[in-house]
């Protein structure tokens, strides 16, 4: 495990202390968890953007036409 020196505005430090106390965890654990959640969100965004860049609207429309051509009505809530 490594150590990092972090300067926080007093108001943010106070809120972090209060939240950590409410959650019954240390401020270090609160900040580590918050950082992990933020990193996960950013990495997920990047992953989804990369996947979206490989998408092909024409292929997607062809697949949708196959589904519609089977003559079944859409499941309730899936209507266009």
PDB file of N, CA and C in Angstrom:
ATOM      1  N   UNK A   1       0.847  -1.162   0.000  1.00  0.00           N
ATOM      2  CA  UNK A   1       0.000   0.000   0.000  1.00  0.00           C
ATOM      3  C   UNK A   1       0.897   1.231   0.000  1.00  0.00           C
ATOM      4  N   UNK A   2       0.498   2.276  -0.700  1.00  0.00           N
ATOM      5  CA  UNK A   2       1.304   3.486  -0.734  1.00  0.00           C
ATOM      6  C   UNK A   2       0.592   4.631  -0.018  1.00  0.00           C
ATOM      7  N   UNK A   3       1.358   5.640   0.274  1.00  0.00           N
ATOM      8  CA  UNK A   3       0.863   6.796   1.003  1.00  0.00           C
ATOM      9  C   UNK A   3       0.836   7.994   0.076  1.00  0.00           C
ATOM     10  N   UNK A   4      -0.187   8.815   0.233  1.00  0.00           N
ATOM     11  CA  UNK A   4      -0.293  10.034  -0.557  1.00  0.00           C
ATOM     12  C   UNK A   4      -0.652  11.178   0.383  1.00  0.00           C
ATOM     13  N   UNK A   5      -0.027  12.306   0.167  1.00  0.00           N
ATOM     14  CA  UNK A   5      -0.358  13.502   0.933  1.00  0.00           C
ATOM     15  C   UNK A   5      -1.384  14.271   0.121  1.00  0.00           C
ATOM     16  N   UNK A   6      -2.494  14.586   0.740  1.00  0.00           N
ATOM     17  CA  UNK A   6      -3.600  15.208   0.020  1.00  0.00           C
ATOM     18  C   UNK A   6      -4.037  16.471   0.736  1.00  0.00           C
ATOM     19  N   UNK A   7      -4.084  17.570   0.023  1.00  0.00           N
ATOM     20  CA  UNK A   7      -4.548  18.826   0.593  1.00  0.00           C
ATOM     21  C   UNK A   7      -6.005  19.013   0.185  1.00  0.00           C
ATOM     22  N   UNK A   8      -6.860  19.193   1.194  1.00  0.00           N
ATOM     23  CA  UNK A   8      -8.287  19.384   0.954  1.00  0.00           C
ATOM     24  C   UNK A   8      -8.730  20.716   1.539  1.00  0.00           C
ATOM     25  N   UNK A   9      -9.677  21.370   0.894  1.00  0.00           N
ATOM     26  CA  UNK A   9     -10.283  22.531   1.538  1.00  0.00           C
ATOM     27  C   UNK A   9     -10.930  22.079   2.853  1.00  0.00           C
ATOM     28  N   UNK A  10     -10.911  22.937   3.842  1.00  0.00           N
ATOM     29  CA  UNK A  10     -11.447  22.577   5.155  1.00  0.00           C
ATOM     30  C   UNK A  10     -12.898  22.106   5.069  1.00  0.00           C
ATOM     31  N   UNK A  11     -13.703  22.742   4.223  1.00  0.00           N
ATOM     32  CA  UNK A  11     -15.117  22.357   4.112  1.00  0.00           C
ATOM     33  C   UNK A  11     -15.257  20.926   3.580  1.00  0.00           C
ATOM     34  N   UNK A  12     -14.430  20.565   2.624  1.00  0.00           N
ATOM     35  CA  UNK A  12     -14.478  19.212   2.068  1.00  0.00           C
ATOM     36  C   UNK A  12     -13.983  18.190   3.099  1.00  0.00           C
ATOM     37  N   UNK A  13     -12.940  18.559   3.828  1.00  0.00           N
ATOM     38  CA  UNK A  13     -12.412  17.674   4.863  1.00  0.00           C
ATOM     39  C   UNK A  13     -13.465  17.443   5.944  1.00  0.00           C
ATOM     40  N   UNK A  14     -14.160  18.496   6.326  1.00  0.00           N
ATOM     41  CA  UNK A  14     -15.208  18.379   7.349  1.00  0.00           C
ATOM     42  C   UNK A  14     -16.321  17.430   6.874  1.00  0.00           C
ATOM     43  N   UNK A  15     -16.759  17.604   5.629  1.00  0.00           N
ATOM     44  CA  UNK A  15     -17.810  16.729   5.081  1.00  0.00           C
ATOM     45  C   UNK A  15     -17.329  15.289   5.000  1.00  0.00           C
ATOM     46  N   UNK A  16     -16.071  15.092   4.619  1.00  0.00           N
ATOM     47  CA  UNK A  16     -15.516  13.735   4.532  1.00  0.00           C
ATOM     48  C   UNK A  16     -15.494  13.092   5.913  1.00  0.00           C
ATOM     49  N   UNK A  17     -15.072  13.858   6.925  1.00  0.00           N
ATOM     50  CA  UNK A  17     -15.067  13.339   8.297  1.00  0.00           C
ATOM     51  C   UNK A  17     -16.471  12.914   8.729  1.00  0.00           C
ATOM     52  N   UNK A  18     -17.453  13.768   8.439  1.00  0.00           N
ATOM     53  CA  UNK A  18     -18.836  13.480   8.835  1.00  0.00           C
ATOM     54  C   UNK A  18     -19.380  12.240   8.115  1.00  0.00           C
ATOM     55  N   UNK A  19     -19.125  12.152   6.825  1.00  0.00           N
ATOM     56  CA  UNK A  19     -19.588  10.987   6.063  1.00  0.00           C
ATOM     57  C   UNK A  19     -18.918   9.707   6.537  1.00  0.00           C
ATOM     58  N   UNK A  20     -17.626   9.786   6.773  1.00  0.00           N
ATOM     59  CA  UNK A  20     -16.899   8.608   7.256  1.00  0.00           C
ATOM     60  C   UNK A  20     -17.465   8.158   8.599  1.00  0.00           C
ATOM     61  N   UNK A  21     -17.754   9.111   9.454  1.00  0.00           N
ATOM     62  CA  UNK A  21     -18.321   8.768  10.756  1.00  0.00           C
ATOM     63  C   UNK A  21     -19.696   8.120  10.592  1.00  0.00           C
ATOM     64  N   UNK A  22     -20.527   8.671   9.712  1.00  0.00           N
ATOM     65  CA  UNK A  22     -21.858   8.094   9.457  1.00  0.00           C
ATOM     66  C   UNK A  22     -21.760   6.664   8.936  1.00  0.00           C
ATOM     67  N   UNK A  23     -20.776   6.430   8.100  1.00  0.00           N
ATOM     68  CA  UNK A  23     -20.590   5.109   7.488  1.00  0.00           C
ATOM     69  C   UNK A  23     -19.775   4.173   8.375  1.00  0.00           C
ATOM     70  N   UNK A  24     -19.264   4.693   9.462  1.00  0.00           N
ATOM     71  CA  UNK A  24     -18.442   3.931  10.397  1.00  0.00           C
ATOM     72  C   UNK A  24     -17.194   3.370   9.715  1.00  0.00           C
ATOM     73  N   UNK A  25     -16.547   4.241   8.942  1.00  0.00           N
ATOM     74  CA  UNK A  25     -15.295   3.892   8.266  1.00  0.00           C
ATOM     75  C   UNK A  25     -14.307   5.039   8.467  1.00  0.00           C
ATOM     76  N   UNK A  26     -13.052   4.800   8.140  1.00  0.00           N
ATOM     77  CA  UNK A  26     -12.041   5.849   8.248  1.00  0.00           C
ATOM     78  C   UNK A  26     -12.156   6.799   7.058  1.00  0.00           C
ATOM     79  N   UNK A  27     -11.593   7.986   7.237  1.00  0.00           N
ATOM     80  CA  UNK A  27     -11.557   8.937   6.120  1.00  0.00           C
ATOM     81  C   UNK A  27     -10.741   8.348   4.976  1.00  0.00           C
ATOM     82  N   UNK A  28      -9.666   7.649   5.290  1.00  0.00           N
ATOM     83  CA  UNK A  28      -8.861   7.000   4.242  1.00  0.00           C
ATOM     84  C   UNK A  28      -9.700   6.028   3.433  1.00  0.00           C
ATOM     85  N   UNK A  29     -10.509   5.226   4.117  1.00  0.00           N
ATOM     86  CA  UNK A  29     -11.349   4.260   3.411  1.00  0.00           C
ATOM     87  C   UNK A  29     -12.397   4.974   2.570  1.00  0.00           C
ATOM     88  N   UNK A  30     -12.977   6.052   3.106  1.00  0.00           N
ATOM     89  CA  UNK A  30     -13.973   6.820   2.354  1.00  0.00           C
ATOM     90  C   UNK A  30     -13.361   7.381   1.074  1.00  0.00           C
ATOM     91  N   UNK A  31     -12.186   7.979   1.190  1.00  0.00           N
ATOM     92  CA  UNK A  31     -11.533   8.575   0.022  1.00  0.00           C
ATOM     93  C   UNK A  31     -11.097   7.495  -0.968  1.00  0.00           C
ATOM     94  N   UNK A  32     -10.588   6.381  -0.475  1.00  0.00           N
ATOM     95  CA  UNK A  32     -10.189   5.279  -1.364  1.00  0.00           C
ATOM     96  C   UNK A  32     -11.390   4.745  -2.139  1.00  0.00           C
ATOM     97  N   UNK A  33     -12.504   4.579  -1.443  1.00  0.00           N
ATOM     98  CA  UNK A  33     -13.718   4.080  -2.091  1.00  0.00           C
ATOM     99  C   UNK A  33     -14.238   5.080  -3.116  1.00  0.00           C
ATOM    100  N   UNK A  34     -14.246   6.352  -2.745  1.00  0.00           N
ATOM    101  CA  UNK A  34     -14.719   7.392  -3.669  1.00  0.00           C
ATOM    102  C   UNK A  34     -13.847   7.438  -4.923  1.00  0.00           C
ATOM    103  N   UNK A  35     -12.536   7.332  -4.741  1.00  0.00           N
ATOM    104  CA  UNK A  35     -11.625   7.335  -5.886  1.00  0.00           C
ATOM    105  C   UNK A  35     -11.849   6.110  -6.764  1.00  0.00           C
ATOM    106  N   UNK A  36     -12.033   4.953  -6.145  1.00  0.00           N
ATOM    107  CA  UNK A  36     -12.278   3.722  -6.915  1.00  0.00           C
ATOM    108  C   UNK A  36     -13.576   3.831  -7.707  1.00  0.00           C
ATOM    109  N   UNK A  37     -14.616   4.408  -7.095  1.00  0.00           N
ATOM    110  CA  UNK A  37     -15.896   4.571  -7.805  1.00  0.00           C
ATOM    111  C   UNK A  37     -15.747   5.519  -8.990  1.00  0.00           C
ATOM    112  N   UNK A  38     -15.035   6.622  -8.794  1.00  0.00           N
ATOM    113  CA  UNK A  38     -14.824   7.580  -9.880  1.00  0.00           C
ATOM    114  C   UNK A  38     -14.022   6.950 -11.012  1.00  0.00           C
ATOM    115  N   UNK A  39     -12.961   6.225 -10.659  1.00  0.00           N
ATOM    116  CA  UNK A  39     -12.148   5.566 -11.674  1.00  0.00           C
ATOM    117  C   UNK A  39     -12.973   4.549 -12.450  1.00  0.00           C
ATOM    118  N   UNK A  40     -13.814   3.810 -11.749  1.00  0.00           N
ATOM    119  CA  UNK A  40     -14.662   2.818 -12.395  1.00  0.00           C
ATOM    120  C   UNK A  40     -15.617   3.489 -13.383  1.00  0.00           C
ATOM    121  N   UNK A  41     -16.201   4.616 -12.973  1.00  0.00           N
ATOM    122  CA  UNK A  41     -17.120   5.332 -13.860  1.00  0.00           C
ATOM    123  C   UNK A  41     -16.403   5.828 -15.112  1.00  0.00           C
ATOM    124  N   UNK A  42     -15.213   6.385 -14.946  1.00  0.00           N
ATOM    125  CA  UNK A  42     -14.457   6.887 -16.098  1.00  0.00           C
ATOM    126  C   UNK A  42     -14.014   5.757 -17.020  1.00  0.00           C
ATOM    127  N   UNK A  43     -13.584   4.652 -16.438  1.00  0.00           N
ATOM    128  CA  UNK A  43     -13.164   3.509 -17.251  1.00  0.00           C
ATOM    129  C   UNK A  43     -14.355   2.900 -17.988  1.00  0.00           C
ATOM    130  N   UNK A  44     -15.515   2.871 -17.342  1.00  0.00           N
ATOM    131  CA  UNK A  44     -16.722   2.361 -17.991  1.00  0.00           C
ATOM    132  C   UNK A  44     -17.116   3.256 -19.151  1.00  0.00           C
ATOM    133  N   UNK A  45     -17.050   4.577 -18.945  1.00  0.00           N
ATOM    134  CA  UNK A  45     -17.361   5.522 -20.023  1.00  0.00           C
ATOM    135  C   UNK A  45     -16.435   5.287 -21.210  1.00  0.00           C
ATOM    136  N   UNK A  46     -15.142   5.138 -20.949  1.00  0.00           N
ATOM    137  CA  UNK A  46     -14.184   4.910 -22.033  1.00  0.00           C
ATOM    138  C   UNK A  46     -14.478   3.601 -22.757  1.00  0.00           C
ATOM    139  N   UNK A  47     -14.800   2.553 -22.000  1.00  0.00           N
ATOM    140  CA  UNK A  47     -15.114   1.251 -22.592  1.00  0.00           C
ATOM    141  C   UNK A  47     -16.346   1.361 -23.480  1.00  0.00           C
ATOM    142  N   UNK A  48     -17.389   2.017 -22.975  1.00  0.00           N
ATOM    143  CA  UNK A  48     -18.622   2.140 -23.764  1.00  0.00           C
ATOM    144  C   UNK A  48     -18.417   3.003 -24.998  1.00  0.00           C
ATOM    145  N   UNK A  49     -17.620   4.063 -24.883  1.00  0.00           N
ATOM    146  CA  UNK A  49     -17.317   4.888 -26.057  1.00  0.00           C
ATOM    147  C   UNK A  49     -16.566   4.083 -27.109  1.00  0.00           C
ATOM    148  N   UNK A  50     -15.622   3.271 -26.663  1.00  0.00           N
ATOM    149  CA  UNK A  50     -14.864   2.437 -27.608  1.00  0.00           C
ATOM    150  C   UNK A  50     -15.787   1.445 -28.301  1.00  0.00           C
ATOM    151  N   UNK A  51     -16.662   0.807 -27.516  1.00  0.00           N
ATOM    152  CA  UNK A  51     -17.609  -0.144 -28.110  1.00  0.00           C
ATOM    153  C   UNK A  51     -18.556   0.559 -29.069  1.00  0.00           C
ATOM    154  N   UNK A  52     -19.029   1.741 -28.698  1.00  0.00           N
ATOM    155  CA  UNK A  52     -19.952   2.491 -29.561  1.00  0.00           C
ATOM    156  C   UNK A  52     -19.272   2.884 -30.870  1.00  0.00           C
ATOM    157  N   UNK A  53     -17.985   3.164 -30.829  1.00  0.00           N
ATOM    158  CA  UNK A  53     -17.281   3.562 -32.049  1.00  0.00           C
ATOM    159  C   UNK A  53     -17.205   2.429 -33.058  1.00  0.00           C
ATOM    160  N   UNK A  54     -17.374   1.197 -32.597  1.00  0.00           N
ATOM    161  CA  UNK A  54     -17.340   0.045 -33.510  1.00  0.00           C
ATOM    162  C   UNK A  54     -18.714  -0.279 -34.066  1.00  0.00           C
ATOM    163  N   UNK A  55     -19.735   0.426 -33.575  1.00  0.00           N
ATOM    164  CA  UNK A  55     -21.104   0.146 -33.998  1.00  0.00           C
ATOM    165  C   UNK A  55     -21.336   0.507 -35.453  1.00  0.00           C
ATOM    166  N   UNK A  56     -22.321  -0.151 -36.045  1.00  0.00           N
ATOM    167  CA  UNK A  56     -22.661   0.099 -37.438  1.00  0.00           C
ATOM    168  C   UNK A  56     -24.184   0.195 -37.529  1.00  0.00           C
ATOM    169  N   UNK A  57     -24.691   1.388 -37.827  1.00  0.00           N
ATOM    170  CA  UNK A  57     -26.130   1.639 -37.867  1.00  0.00           C
ATOM    171  C   UNK A  57     -26.831   0.748 -38.897  1.00  0.00           C
ATOM    172  N   UNK A  58     -26.226   0.543 -40.045  1.00  0.00           N
ATOM    173  CA  UNK A  58     -26.860  -0.285 -41.097  1.00  0.00           C
ATOM    174  C   UNK A  58     -27.007  -1.735 -40.631  1.00  0.00           C
ATOM    175  N   UNK A  59     -25.987  -2.291 -40.014  1.00  0.00           N
ATOM    176  CA  UNK A  59     -26.083  -3.663 -39.509  1.00  0.00           C
ATOM    177  C   UNK A  59     -27.151  -3.764 -38.426  1.00  0.00           C
ATOM    178  N   UNK A  60     -27.212  -2.752 -37.574  1.00  0.00           N
ATOM    179  CA  UNK A  60     -28.223  -2.721 -36.514  1.00  0.00           C
ATOM    180  C   UNK A  60     -29.630  -2.712 -37.119  1.00  0.00           C
ATOM    181  N   UNK A  61     -29.848  -1.900 -38.144  1.00  0.00           N
ATOM    182  CA  UNK A  61     -31.165  -1.829 -38.788  1.00  0.00           C
ATOM    183  C   UNK A  61     -31.528  -3.170 -39.447  1.00  0.00           C
ATOM    184  N   UNK A  62     -30.544  -3.852 -40.028  1.00  0.00           N
ATOM    185  CA  UNK A  62     -30.802  -5.166 -40.639  1.00  0.00           C
ATOM    186  C   UNK A  62     -31.270  -6.164 -39.586  1.00  0.00           C
ATOM    187  N   UNK A  63     -30.638  -6.151 -38.430  1.00  0.00           N
ATOM    188  CA  UNK A  63     -31.026  -7.057 -37.350  1.00  0.00           C
ATOM    189  C   UNK A  63     -32.450  -6.732 -36.895  1.00  0.00           C
ATOM    190  N   UNK A  64     -32.764  -5.463 -36.726  1.00  0.00           N
ATOM    191  CA  UNK A  64     -34.111  -5.080 -36.299  1.00  0.00           C
ATOM    192  C   UNK A  64     -35.165  -5.526 -37.308  1.00  0.00           C
ATOM    193  N   UNK A  65     -34.851  -5.429 -38.596  1.00  0.00           N
ATOM    194  CA  UNK A  65     -35.809  -5.862 -39.622  1.00  0.00           C
ATOM    195  C   UNK A  65     -36.084  -7.358 -39.518  1.00  0.00           C
ATOM    196  N   UNK A  66     -35.085  -8.139 -39.194  1.00  0.00           N
ATOM    197  CA  UNK A  66     -35.274  -9.581 -39.027  1.00  0.00           C
ATOM    198  C   UNK A  66     -36.235  -9.866 -37.884  1.00  0.00           C
ATOM    199  N   UNK A  67     -36.107  -9.138 -36.818  1.00  0.00           N
ATOM    200  CA  UNK A  67     -36.980  -9.352 -35.667  1.00  0.00           C
ATOM    201  C   UNK A  67     -38.405  -8.992 -36.022  1.00  0.00           C
ATOM    202  N   UNK A  68     -38.602  -7.857 -36.671  1.00  0.00           N
ATOM    203  CA  UNK A  68     -39.949  -7.425 -37.052  1.00  0.00           C
ATOM    204  C   UNK A  68     -40.593  -8.383 -38.053  1.00  0.00           C
ATOM    205  N   UNK A  69     -39.811  -8.972 -38.920  1.00  0.00           N
ATOM    206  CA  UNK A  69     -40.375  -9.806 -39.981  1.00  0.00           C
ATOM    207  C   UNK A  69     -40.942 -11.123 -39.451  1.00  0.00           C
ATOM    208  N   UNK A  70     -40.737 -11.439 -38.195  1.00  0.00           N
ATOM    209  CA  UNK A  70     -41.258 -12.686 -37.648  1.00  0.00           C
ATOM    210  C   UNK A  70     -42.731 -12.572 -37.271  1.00  0.00           C
ATOM    211  N   UNK A  71     -43.306 -11.389 -37.376  1.00  0.00           N
ATOM    212  CA  UNK A  71     -44.739 -11.230 -37.188  1.00  0.00           C
ATOM    213  C   UNK A  71     -45.223 -11.211 -35.748  1.00  0.00           C
ATOM    214  N   UNK A  72     -44.345 -11.238 -34.799  1.00  0.00           N
ATOM    215  CA  UNK A  72     -44.764 -11.187 -33.399  1.00  0.00           C
ATOM    216  C   UNK A  72     -44.803  -9.748 -32.926  1.00  0.00           C
ATOM    217  N   UNK A  73     -45.800  -9.411 -32.126  1.00  0.00           N
ATOM    218  CA  UNK A  73     -45.819  -8.044 -31.580  1.00  0.00           C
ATOM    219  C   UNK A  73     -44.713  -7.895 -30.530  1.00  0.00           C
ATOM    220  N   UNK A  74     -44.242  -6.675 -30.321  1.00  0.00           N
ATOM    221  CA  UNK A  74     -43.199  -6.464 -29.325  1.00  0.00           C
ATOM    222  C   UNK A  74     -43.726  -6.731 -27.912  1.00  0.00           C
ATOM    223  N   UNK A  75     -42.841  -7.074 -27.037  1.00  0.00           N
ATOM    224  CA  UNK A  75     -43.191  -7.265 -25.623  1.00  0.00           C
ATOM    225  C   UNK A  75     -43.668  -5.920 -25.091  1.00  0.00           C
ATOM    226  N   UNK A  76     -44.643  -5.944 -24.202  1.00  0.00           N
ATOM    227  CA  UNK A  76     -45.184  -4.716 -23.631  1.00  0.00           C
ATOM    228  C   UNK A  76     -44.055  -3.880 -23.027  1.00  0.00           C
ATOM    229  N   UNK A  77     -44.025  -2.599 -23.428  1.00  0.00           N
ATOM    230  CA  UNK A  77     -42.975  -1.705 -22.973  1.00  0.00           C
ATOM    231  C   UNK A  77     -41.854  -1.545 -23.992  1.00  0.00           C
ATOM    232  N   UNK A  78     -41.787  -2.469 -24.983  1.00  0.00           N
ATOM    233  CA  UNK A  78     -40.755  -2.399 -26.016  1.00  0.00           C
ATOM    234  C   UNK A  78     -41.264  -1.779 -27.307  1.00  0.00           C
ATOM    235  N   UNK A  79     -42.490  -1.296 -27.302  1.00  0.00           N
ATOM    236  CA  UNK A  79     -43.046  -0.704 -28.532  1.00  0.00           C
ATOM    237  C   UNK A  79     -42.273   0.559 -28.903  1.00  0.00           C
ATOM    238  N   UNK A  80     -42.255   0.863 -30.193  1.00  0.00           N
ATOM    239  CA  UNK A  80     -41.620   2.102 -30.642  1.00  0.00           C
ATOM    240  C   UNK A  80     -42.570   3.252 -30.468  1.00  0.00           C
TER     241      UNK A  80
END
